[in-house]
Amino acid sequence: MSREQLLLISSLGKLKQRYGQAGLDKIRASLDRYKGSLSSRKIVLTVVFLDDEASLSSFDLKPVRPVTPATAKAAIDHIISRLNRADDSGKVRKSGESGTSILILGGGEVIPYFKLRNPALDSDDFVASDNPYGCPPGSATPDKCLLPRIPVGRMPDGRGADDGILLRQLDTACEAANGSVSTRISFKKSGFGYTAGVWKEASQRVWRDIGFAGSLRICPPASDNDVNASWFRAKEFLYFNVHGSDSEPYWFGQKGSSFPKALSPESVNRFFRGRSMVVTEACYGAIEMDRQSDSSISLAFLVAGSSCVVGSTCTAYGALTPPVSEADLIALHFFRNVHEGLSFGSALVKARAQLAATAMSRQGFLDEDDKKTLLQFLLFGDPTVSVPPFSPGSDEDAKNAKPRKRIKKG
């Protein structure tokens, strides 16, 4: 019988350079525990260090040096081909599902992001993306990697020599694999939402269509000064439609020309304890290189135990008012797909396809903002984790309405 495969990719040399032999030994011990935990879910973990001869010998590959996006992808493509040939089950999978998922261990300094040409006419020089790693061979240009077929997740490690960021994420993944993530909370009532005032209407539509109970917090009047543990306690899903920055560690609200601080890494580190899934529409919401958990909200959530973070690596787009579009649709469909029982990785794969289908039905083509959105959102966390499903409402309004767009201030 076929078993699901998780291919974990990293660089032995980079990890040792960053964390020393002692740190590397701790990481490898955590990987052994992780492998055992996944086995209980009938998932086979294959760990490959791209620059290590012992890891690559069974795949007839030589060590990859240097590890670049192109050389890493070529090796991953070859390994996945070999893993797929070993799977002789002949099982036909549904759209958005895959028998193999990819988990990148380390941030962009360990296994680099692809720097793709920015399709949009804005100030970003490029789009940092993991999309090509989940696409067929030869799909490393923006137009060819909009819709990856293989789920890809990443466990980032930020800046410096703190192996605790990776070790914490591996511990969280082990706990999820062992079934210790709570499954008793009513998902319709366990979400938390936070939006900039300027995007209140669009966020309320996303919130309503996901099926969460309760109301959103809006910044302003809410701000980082109001954050407390009750905001996050017993919440399985956290949704943020706020501003982000590539130069400051905060997320911001907006009213008129005022941009108060909505959330800080300090508040997350102080008040958040849990396994919540986090989706943020903030510009640079998934920024991690040259950051630590005190300077990146995404890293702060992961270190505090979040099961995953979905966010953008650069300036993001969406709707000022309904109907929702771009980043709003990624958030909406990701949550819905998870609610329906898909794994985190497959939920994001399907959410991209749903965004593209909505854009095509509305306007007959993918515009520059749509393409950038498909490239820029990535998953931090184990792509194989899933939660029990429930049935959300209909999204016919989102499919049929004409979009209004806005740029999120970076």
Protein backbone atom coordinates (compact mmCIF):
# COMPACT_ATOMS: atom_id res chain seq x y z
CA MET A 1 0.00 0.00 0.00
CA SER A 2 1.28 3.48 -0.89
CA ARG A 3 2.39 5.77 1.93
CA GLU A 4 2.61 9.53 1.74
CA GLN A 5 6.14 10.87 1.28
CA LEU A 6 7.68 13.95 2.88
CA LEU A 7 10.99 14.98 1.35
CA LEU A 8 12.98 17.15 3.76
CA ILE A 9 15.71 19.20 2.09
CA SER A 10 18.52 21.08 3.78
CA SER A 11 22.27 21.83 3.67
CA LEU A 12 24.54 20.05 6.13
CA GLY A 13 27.36 22.53 5.60
CA LYS A 14 25.16 25.58 6.13
CA LEU A 15 23.57 24.19 9.28
CA LYS A 16 26.96 23.29 10.73
CA GLN A 17 28.36 26.70 9.80
CA ARG A 18 25.48 28.45 11.55
CA TYR A 19 25.03 26.27 14.63
CA GLY A 20 28.27 24.36 15.06
CA GLN A 21 28.57 20.60 15.53
CA ALA A 22 26.63 20.65 18.79
CA GLY A 23 23.71 22.49 17.20
CA LEU A 24 23.79 20.20 14.17
CA ASP A 25 23.70 17.14 16.45
CA LYS A 26 20.60 18.51 18.21
CA ILE A 27 18.89 19.16 14.87
CA ARG A 28 19.65 15.65 13.63
CA ALA A 29 18.32 14.16 16.88
CA SER A 30 15.12 16.18 16.43
CA LEU A 31 14.84 14.90 12.86
CA ASP A 32 15.04 11.32 14.13
CA ARG A 33 12.16 12.01 16.54
CA TYR A 34 10.23 13.74 13.77
CA LYS A 35 10.67 10.75 11.47
CA GLY A 36 9.23 8.46 14.13
CA SER A 37 6.30 10.78 14.74
CA LEU A 38 5.45 10.96 11.04
CA SER A 39 5.61 7.20 10.76
CA SER A 40 2.67 6.99 13.15
CA ARG A 41 0.67 8.94 10.55
CA LYS A 42 1.91 6.61 7.78
CA ILE A 43 4.11 9.34 6.32
CA VAL A 44 7.62 8.38 5.20
CA LEU A 45 10.21 11.09 5.91
CA THR A 46 13.22 11.17 3.60
CA VAL A 47 15.94 13.54 4.83
CA VAL A 48 18.36 14.78 2.19
CA PHE A 49 21.23 17.19 2.77
CA LEU A 50 22.02 18.46 -0.71
CA ASP A 51 25.72 18.91 -0.02
CA ASP A 52 26.22 15.54 1.72
CA GLU A 53 27.42 12.50 -0.22
CA ALA A 54 25.85 10.00 2.18
CA SER A 55 22.39 11.60 1.77
CA LEU A 56 22.57 11.54 -2.01
CA SER A 57 24.20 8.18 -2.71
CA SER A 58 20.92 6.24 -2.87
CA PHE A 59 19.65 8.68 -5.49
CA ASP A 60 22.78 8.43 -7.69
CA LEU A 61 23.55 12.11 -7.14
CA LYS A 62 26.78 13.87 -6.29
CA PRO A 63 26.87 16.57 -3.59
CA VAL A 64 25.40 19.87 -4.75
CA ARG A 65 27.99 22.63 -4.51
CA PRO A 66 27.23 25.45 -4.44
CA VAL A 67 23.61 25.18 -3.31
CA THR A 68 21.73 27.69 -5.48
CA PRO A 69 18.03 27.79 -6.36
CA ALA A 70 18.79 26.17 -9.73
CA THR A 71 21.05 23.42 -8.38
CA ALA A 72 18.73 22.73 -5.46
CA LYS A 73 15.71 22.43 -7.77
CA ALA A 74 17.54 20.11 -10.18
CA ALA A 75 18.44 17.78 -7.30
CA ILE A 76 14.92 17.92 -5.82
CA ASP A 77 13.37 17.14 -9.22
CA HIS A 78 15.62 14.08 -9.58
CA ILE A 79 14.91 12.85 -6.05
CA ILE A 80 11.15 13.25 -6.41
CA SER A 81 11.27 11.38 -9.70
CA ARG A 82 13.01 8.49 -7.94
CA LEU A 83 10.55 8.57 -5.03
CA ASN A 84 7.59 8.56 -7.41
CA ARG A 85 9.00 5.58 -9.33
CA ALA A 86 9.28 3.73 -6.03
CA ASP A 87 5.56 4.35 -5.42
CA ASP A 88 3.90 1.66 -7.54
CA SER A 89 0.45 1.95 -6.02
CA GLY A 90 -1.11 3.54 -9.08
CA LYS A 91 -3.38 5.56 -6.82
CA VAL A 92 -5.17 8.44 -8.53
CA ARG A 93 -5.30 11.54 -6.34
CA LYS A 94 -7.72 14.42 -6.33
CA SER A 95 -6.80 17.83 -7.70
CA GLY A 96 -4.70 19.74 -5.17
CA GLU A 97 -3.39 16.53 -3.57
CA SER A 98 0.03 14.96 -3.95
CA GLY A 99 1.66 11.81 -2.68
CA THR A 100 4.88 13.72 -2.06
CA SER A 101 5.38 16.97 -0.19
CA ILE A 102 8.55 19.02 0.28
CA LEU A 103 9.78 20.54 3.53
CA ILE A 104 12.76 22.90 3.37
CA LEU A 105 14.67 22.96 6.65
CA GLY A 106 16.22 26.40 7.07
CA GLY A 107 15.59 29.88 5.76
CA GLY A 108 16.91 31.59 2.68
CA GLU A 109 20.48 31.50 3.98
CA VAL A 110 20.38 27.67 4.09
CA ILE A 111 18.29 26.77 1.02
CA PRO A 112 17.80 29.94 -1.03
CA TYR A 113 14.50 31.28 -2.27
CA PHE A 114 14.07 31.80 -5.98
CA LYS A 115 14.32 35.48 -6.88
CA LEU A 116 11.69 35.71 -9.61
CA ARG A 117 11.05 38.64 -11.90
CA ASN A 118 8.31 40.80 -10.40
CA PRO A 119 5.27 40.74 -12.75
CA ALA A 120 3.73 43.81 -11.10
CA LEU A 121 4.62 47.44 -11.71
CA ASP A 122 5.69 48.33 -8.19
CA SER A 123 8.86 48.97 -6.21
CA ASP A 124 9.84 45.36 -5.50
CA ASP A 125 12.95 44.36 -7.46
CA PHE A 126 11.97 40.67 -7.40
CA VAL A 127 9.62 38.17 -5.75
CA ALA A 128 11.22 35.72 -3.31
CA SER A 129 9.37 32.45 -3.83
CA ASP A 130 9.42 28.71 -3.09
CA ASN A 131 6.97 28.00 -5.93
CA PRO A 132 9.51 26.54 -8.40
CA TYR A 133 10.48 23.81 -5.94
CA GLY A 134 6.93 22.44 -6.22
CA CYS A 135 6.73 22.64 -10.02
CA PRO A 136 7.84 20.23 -12.77
CA PRO A 137 11.39 20.41 -14.15
CA GLY A 138 11.99 23.51 -16.25
CA SER A 139 9.40 25.57 -14.36
CA ALA A 140 11.58 28.21 -12.74
CA THR A 141 10.33 31.32 -14.54
CA PRO A 142 7.44 33.43 -13.22
CA ASP A 143 4.91 32.40 -15.86
CA LYS A 144 5.71 28.69 -15.46
CA CYS A 145 5.59 28.41 -11.67
CA LEU A 146 2.38 30.26 -10.82
CA LEU A 147 0.59 27.07 -9.80
CA PRO A 148 2.85 24.48 -8.14
CA ARG A 149 1.51 20.94 -8.00
CA ILE A 150 3.63 19.66 -5.12
CA PRO A 151 3.00 21.09 -1.63
CA VAL A 152 6.03 22.94 -0.26
CA GLY A 153 6.63 24.10 3.30
CA ARG A 154 9.65 25.68 4.93
CA MET A 155 10.95 25.91 8.48
CA PRO A 156 12.88 29.22 8.49
CA ASP A 157 15.70 29.98 10.90
CA GLY A 158 16.20 33.72 10.55
CA ARG A 159 19.53 35.34 11.34
CA GLY A 160 22.35 34.28 13.61
CA ALA A 161 23.30 31.15 15.52
CA ASP A 162 20.09 30.43 17.46
CA ASP A 163 19.26 26.79 16.69
CA GLY A 164 16.22 27.15 18.93
CA ILE A 165 14.11 28.53 16.06
CA LEU A 166 14.46 25.31 14.04
CA LEU A 167 14.29 23.05 17.08
CA ARG A 168 11.04 24.70 18.23
CA GLN A 169 9.44 24.18 14.84
CA LEU A 170 10.51 20.54 14.74
CA ASP A 171 9.06 20.05 18.22
CA THR A 172 5.76 21.60 17.07
CA ALA A 173 5.72 19.33 14.01
CA CYS A 174 6.38 16.28 16.21
CA GLU A 175 3.51 17.23 18.48
CA ALA A 176 1.19 17.63 15.50
CA ALA A 177 2.29 14.29 14.09
CA ASN A 178 1.66 12.65 17.45
CA GLY A 179 -1.88 14.03 17.51
CA SER A 180 -1.39 16.34 20.46
CA VAL A 181 -2.80 19.36 18.62
CA SER A 182 -6.27 19.98 20.03
CA THR A 183 -9.09 18.55 17.94
CA ARG A 184 -11.88 19.33 20.39
CA ILE A 185 -12.31 23.04 19.72
CA SER A 186 -15.19 24.13 17.50
CA PHE A 187 -13.36 25.63 14.54
CA LYS A 188 -16.30 27.86 13.66
CA LYS A 189 -15.84 29.62 16.99
CA SER A 190 -12.08 29.50 17.50
CA GLY A 191 -10.77 32.11 15.07
CA PHE A 192 -9.25 35.50 15.76
CA GLY A 193 -9.26 38.28 13.16
CA TYR A 194 -7.48 41.64 13.09
CA THR A 195 -7.72 44.19 10.30
CA ALA A 196 -6.60 47.68 9.42
CA GLY A 197 -9.61 50.01 9.53
CA VAL A 198 -9.21 50.90 5.85
CA TRP A 199 -9.83 47.23 4.89
CA LYS A 200 -12.63 46.59 7.35
CA GLU A 201 -15.27 45.78 4.72
CA ALA A 202 -13.10 43.37 2.73
CA SER A 203 -11.90 41.65 5.91
CA GLN A 204 -15.45 41.28 7.20
CA ARG A 205 -16.39 39.57 3.93
CA VAL A 206 -13.49 37.13 4.24
CA TRP A 207 -14.35 36.54 7.90
CA ARG A 208 -18.01 35.90 7.11
CA ASP A 209 -17.29 33.63 4.15
CA ILE A 210 -14.82 31.52 6.14
CA GLY A 211 -17.57 30.92 8.69
CA PHE A 212 -15.96 32.24 11.88
CA ALA A 213 -18.20 33.43 14.67
CA GLY A 214 -17.64 36.74 16.42
CA SER A 215 -16.31 40.01 15.09
CA LEU A 216 -12.97 41.31 13.90
CA ARG A 217 -10.75 43.62 15.90
CA ILE A 218 -10.03 46.78 13.97
CA CYS A 219 -6.91 48.96 14.13
CA PRO A 220 -7.54 51.72 15.04
CA PRO A 221 -9.08 51.93 17.63
CA ALA A 222 -7.40 48.67 18.68
CA SER A 223 -3.59 48.74 18.74
CA ASP A 224 -0.57 46.83 19.94
CA ASN A 225 -1.08 48.37 23.38
CA ASP A 226 -4.34 46.41 23.70
CA VAL A 227 -2.92 42.99 22.86
CA ASN A 228 -3.31 40.42 25.64
CA ALA A 229 -3.40 36.66 26.06
CA SER A 230 -7.19 36.44 25.63
CA TRP A 231 -6.84 37.52 22.00
CA PHE A 232 -5.08 34.25 21.16
CA ARG A 233 -6.22 31.79 23.82
CA ALA A 234 -7.94 28.68 22.40
CA LYS A 235 -7.91 30.14 18.89
CA GLU A 236 -7.04 27.67 16.16
CA PHE A 237 -7.03 30.18 13.29
CA LEU A 238 -5.52 33.69 13.29
CA TYR A 239 -6.31 36.04 10.38
CA PHE A 240 -4.51 39.35 9.84
CA ASN A 241 -5.29 41.92 7.13
CA VAL A 242 -2.87 44.66 8.11
CA HIS A 243 0.11 46.61 6.79
CA GLY A 244 3.64 45.25 6.96
CA SER A 245 7.12 46.64 6.41
CA ASP A 246 10.47 45.49 5.05
CA SER A 247 12.31 47.86 7.42
CA GLU A 248 10.32 47.68 10.68
CA PRO A 249 9.30 44.64 12.76
CA TYR A 250 5.66 45.70 13.24
CA TRP A 251 2.32 45.19 11.55
CA PHE A 252 0.20 48.33 11.26
CA GLY A 253 -3.42 49.42 11.04
CA GLN A 254 -4.68 52.42 9.11
CA LYS A 255 -7.26 55.14 9.37
CA GLY A 256 -6.80 57.95 6.89
CA SER A 257 -3.14 58.93 6.98
CA SER A 258 -2.58 57.43 10.44
CA PHE A 259 -0.79 54.06 10.70
CA PRO A 260 -0.78 52.93 14.36
CA LYS A 261 1.08 49.80 15.43
CA ALA A 262 -1.32 46.87 15.35
CA LEU A 263 1.02 44.09 16.49
CA SER A 264 4.64 43.66 17.51
CA PRO A 265 6.94 40.65 17.91
CA GLU A 266 7.18 41.56 21.59
CA SER A 267 3.41 41.14 22.05
CA VAL A 268 3.44 37.78 20.27
CA ASN A 269 6.37 36.58 22.37
CA ARG A 270 4.66 37.78 25.53
CA PHE A 271 1.07 36.67 25.01
CA PHE A 272 0.86 33.93 22.36
CA ARG A 273 0.97 30.28 23.42
CA GLY A 274 -0.68 27.77 21.19
CA ARG A 275 -0.82 25.86 17.93
CA SER A 276 -2.84 28.38 15.91
CA MET A 277 -2.60 28.55 12.14
CA VAL A 278 -1.64 32.09 11.10
CA VAL A 279 -2.51 33.71 7.78
CA THR A 280 -1.36 37.26 7.19
CA GLU A 281 -2.02 39.49 4.20
CA ALA A 282 0.59 41.99 5.40
CA CYS A 283 3.26 43.11 2.98
CA TYR A 284 6.45 41.28 3.95
CA GLY A 285 4.44 39.14 6.36
CA ALA A 286 6.72 36.17 5.68
CA ILE A 287 9.98 38.09 5.93
CA GLU A 288 12.59 36.09 7.88
CA MET A 289 16.08 36.59 6.46
CA ASP A 290 18.20 38.92 8.62
CA ARG A 291 15.48 38.72 11.31
CA GLN A 292 15.00 36.98 14.64
CA SER A 293 11.92 36.27 16.73
CA ASP A 294 12.21 39.74 18.27
CA SER A 295 12.21 41.42 14.83
CA SER A 296 9.85 39.23 12.78
CA ILE A 297 6.24 38.59 13.76
CA SER A 298 6.16 35.40 11.68
CA LEU A 299 9.21 34.00 13.45
CA ALA A 300 7.73 35.07 16.78
CA PHE A 301 4.58 33.04 16.08
CA LEU A 302 6.62 30.00 15.03
CA VAL A 303 8.89 30.13 18.06
CA ALA A 304 5.83 30.45 20.30
CA GLY A 305 4.38 27.25 18.83
CA SER A 306 2.24 28.21 15.84
CA SER A 307 1.60 25.19 13.62
CA CYS A 308 2.05 27.25 10.45
CA VAL A 309 2.29 30.75 9.03
CA VAL A 310 1.13 31.67 5.53
CA GLY A 311 2.36 35.05 4.33
CA SER A 312 3.89 37.13 1.57
CA THR A 313 7.57 37.77 0.98
CA CYS A 314 7.01 41.25 -0.49
CA THR A 315 4.36 43.89 -1.28
CA ALA A 316 0.91 42.27 -1.43
CA TYR A 317 -2.38 43.17 -3.12
CA GLY A 318 -6.08 42.74 -2.35
CA ALA A 319 -9.43 44.48 -2.18
CA LEU A 320 -10.33 47.75 -0.46
CA THR A 321 -13.99 46.68 -0.35
CA PRO A 322 -15.86 43.54 -1.52
CA PRO A 323 -15.61 41.66 -3.76
CA VAL A 324 -12.36 40.30 -2.39
CA SER A 325 -9.34 39.53 -4.54
CA GLU A 326 -5.68 38.47 -4.54
CA ALA A 327 -4.33 38.17 -0.95
CA ASP A 328 -7.89 38.10 0.42
CA LEU A 329 -8.64 35.05 -1.72
CA ILE A 330 -5.47 33.28 -0.62
CA ALA A 331 -6.55 33.73 3.01
CA LEU A 332 -10.17 32.78 2.36
CA HIS A 333 -9.42 29.66 0.36
CA PHE A 334 -6.53 28.49 2.51
CA PHE A 335 -8.71 28.50 5.63
CA ARG A 336 -11.58 26.88 3.78
CA ASN A 337 -9.40 24.16 2.33
CA VAL A 338 -7.92 23.40 5.75
CA HIS A 339 -11.47 23.31 7.15
CA GLU A 340 -12.35 20.73 4.50
CA GLY A 341 -9.54 18.45 5.67
CA LEU A 342 -6.68 19.24 3.30
CA SER A 343 -3.16 19.40 4.69
CA PHE A 344 -1.59 22.84 5.04
CA GLY A 345 0.56 22.33 1.94
CA SER A 346 -2.26 21.02 -0.23
CA ALA A 347 -4.56 23.79 1.06
CA LEU A 348 -2.17 26.44 -0.24
CA VAL A 349 -1.66 24.63 -3.55
CA LYS A 350 -5.43 24.55 -4.04
CA ALA A 351 -5.90 28.15 -2.83
CA ARG A 352 -3.59 29.40 -5.58
CA ALA A 353 -5.57 27.45 -8.18
CA GLN A 354 -8.83 28.85 -6.80
CA LEU A 355 -7.51 32.41 -6.94
CA ALA A 356 -6.50 31.87 -10.57
CA ALA A 357 -9.89 30.38 -11.43
CA THR A 358 -11.70 33.34 -9.86
CA ALA A 359 -9.54 35.84 -11.78
CA MET A 360 -10.14 34.00 -15.05
CA SER A 361 -13.90 33.88 -14.48
CA ARG A 362 -14.03 37.62 -13.70
CA GLN A 363 -11.72 39.05 -16.34
CA GLY A 364 -10.63 36.23 -18.65
CA PHE A 365 -6.91 36.46 -17.79
CA LEU A 366 -4.43 36.77 -14.93
CA ASP A 367 -3.26 40.35 -14.50
CA GLU A 368 0.07 41.40 -13.03
CA ASP A 369 -1.26 41.62 -9.46
CA ASP A 370 -2.81 38.14 -9.69
CA LYS A 371 0.47 36.65 -10.90
CA LYS A 372 2.49 38.32 -8.19
CA THR A 373 0.09 37.07 -5.52
CA LEU A 374 0.41 33.51 -6.80
CA LEU A 375 4.21 33.73 -6.54
CA GLN A 376 4.70 35.56 -3.25
CA PHE A 377 2.67 33.60 -0.69
CA LEU A 378 4.46 30.72 0.99
CA LEU A 379 4.00 28.29 3.87
CA PHE A 380 6.14 28.21 6.98
CA GLY A 381 5.56 24.85 8.67
CA ASP A 382 5.03 21.16 8.01
CA PRO A 383 2.99 20.87 4.78
CA THR A 384 1.53 17.48 5.77
CA VAL A 385 -0.37 18.62 8.89
CA SER A 386 -4.18 18.74 8.71
CA VAL A 387 -7.09 19.30 11.09
CA PRO A 388 -10.60 17.79 11.27
CA PRO A 389 -12.92 19.29 8.64
CA PHE A 390 -16.13 21.24 8.86
CA SER A 391 -18.32 22.64 6.08
CA PRO A 392 -18.06 26.41 5.42
CA GLY A 393 -20.55 28.50 3.48
CA SER A 394 -20.81 29.35 -0.21
CA ASP A 395 -18.44 31.65 -2.09
CA GLU A 396 -20.58 32.33 -5.15
CA ASP A 397 -20.40 36.09 -4.52
CA ALA A 398 -16.61 35.97 -4.57
CA LYS A 399 -16.62 34.04 -7.85
CA ASN A 400 -18.98 36.28 -9.75
CA ALA A 401 -18.29 39.80 -8.52
CA LYS A 402 -16.12 42.36 -10.26
CA PRO A 403 -12.94 43.09 -8.28
CA ARG A 404 -11.77 46.38 -6.83
CA LYS A 405 -8.08 46.49 -5.98
CA ARG A 406 -5.71 48.23 -3.63
CA ILE A 407 -2.02 48.06 -2.93
CA LYS A 408 -1.02 47.24 0.61
CA LYS A 409 1.43 49.78 1.90
CA GLY A 410 4.81 48.15 2.50
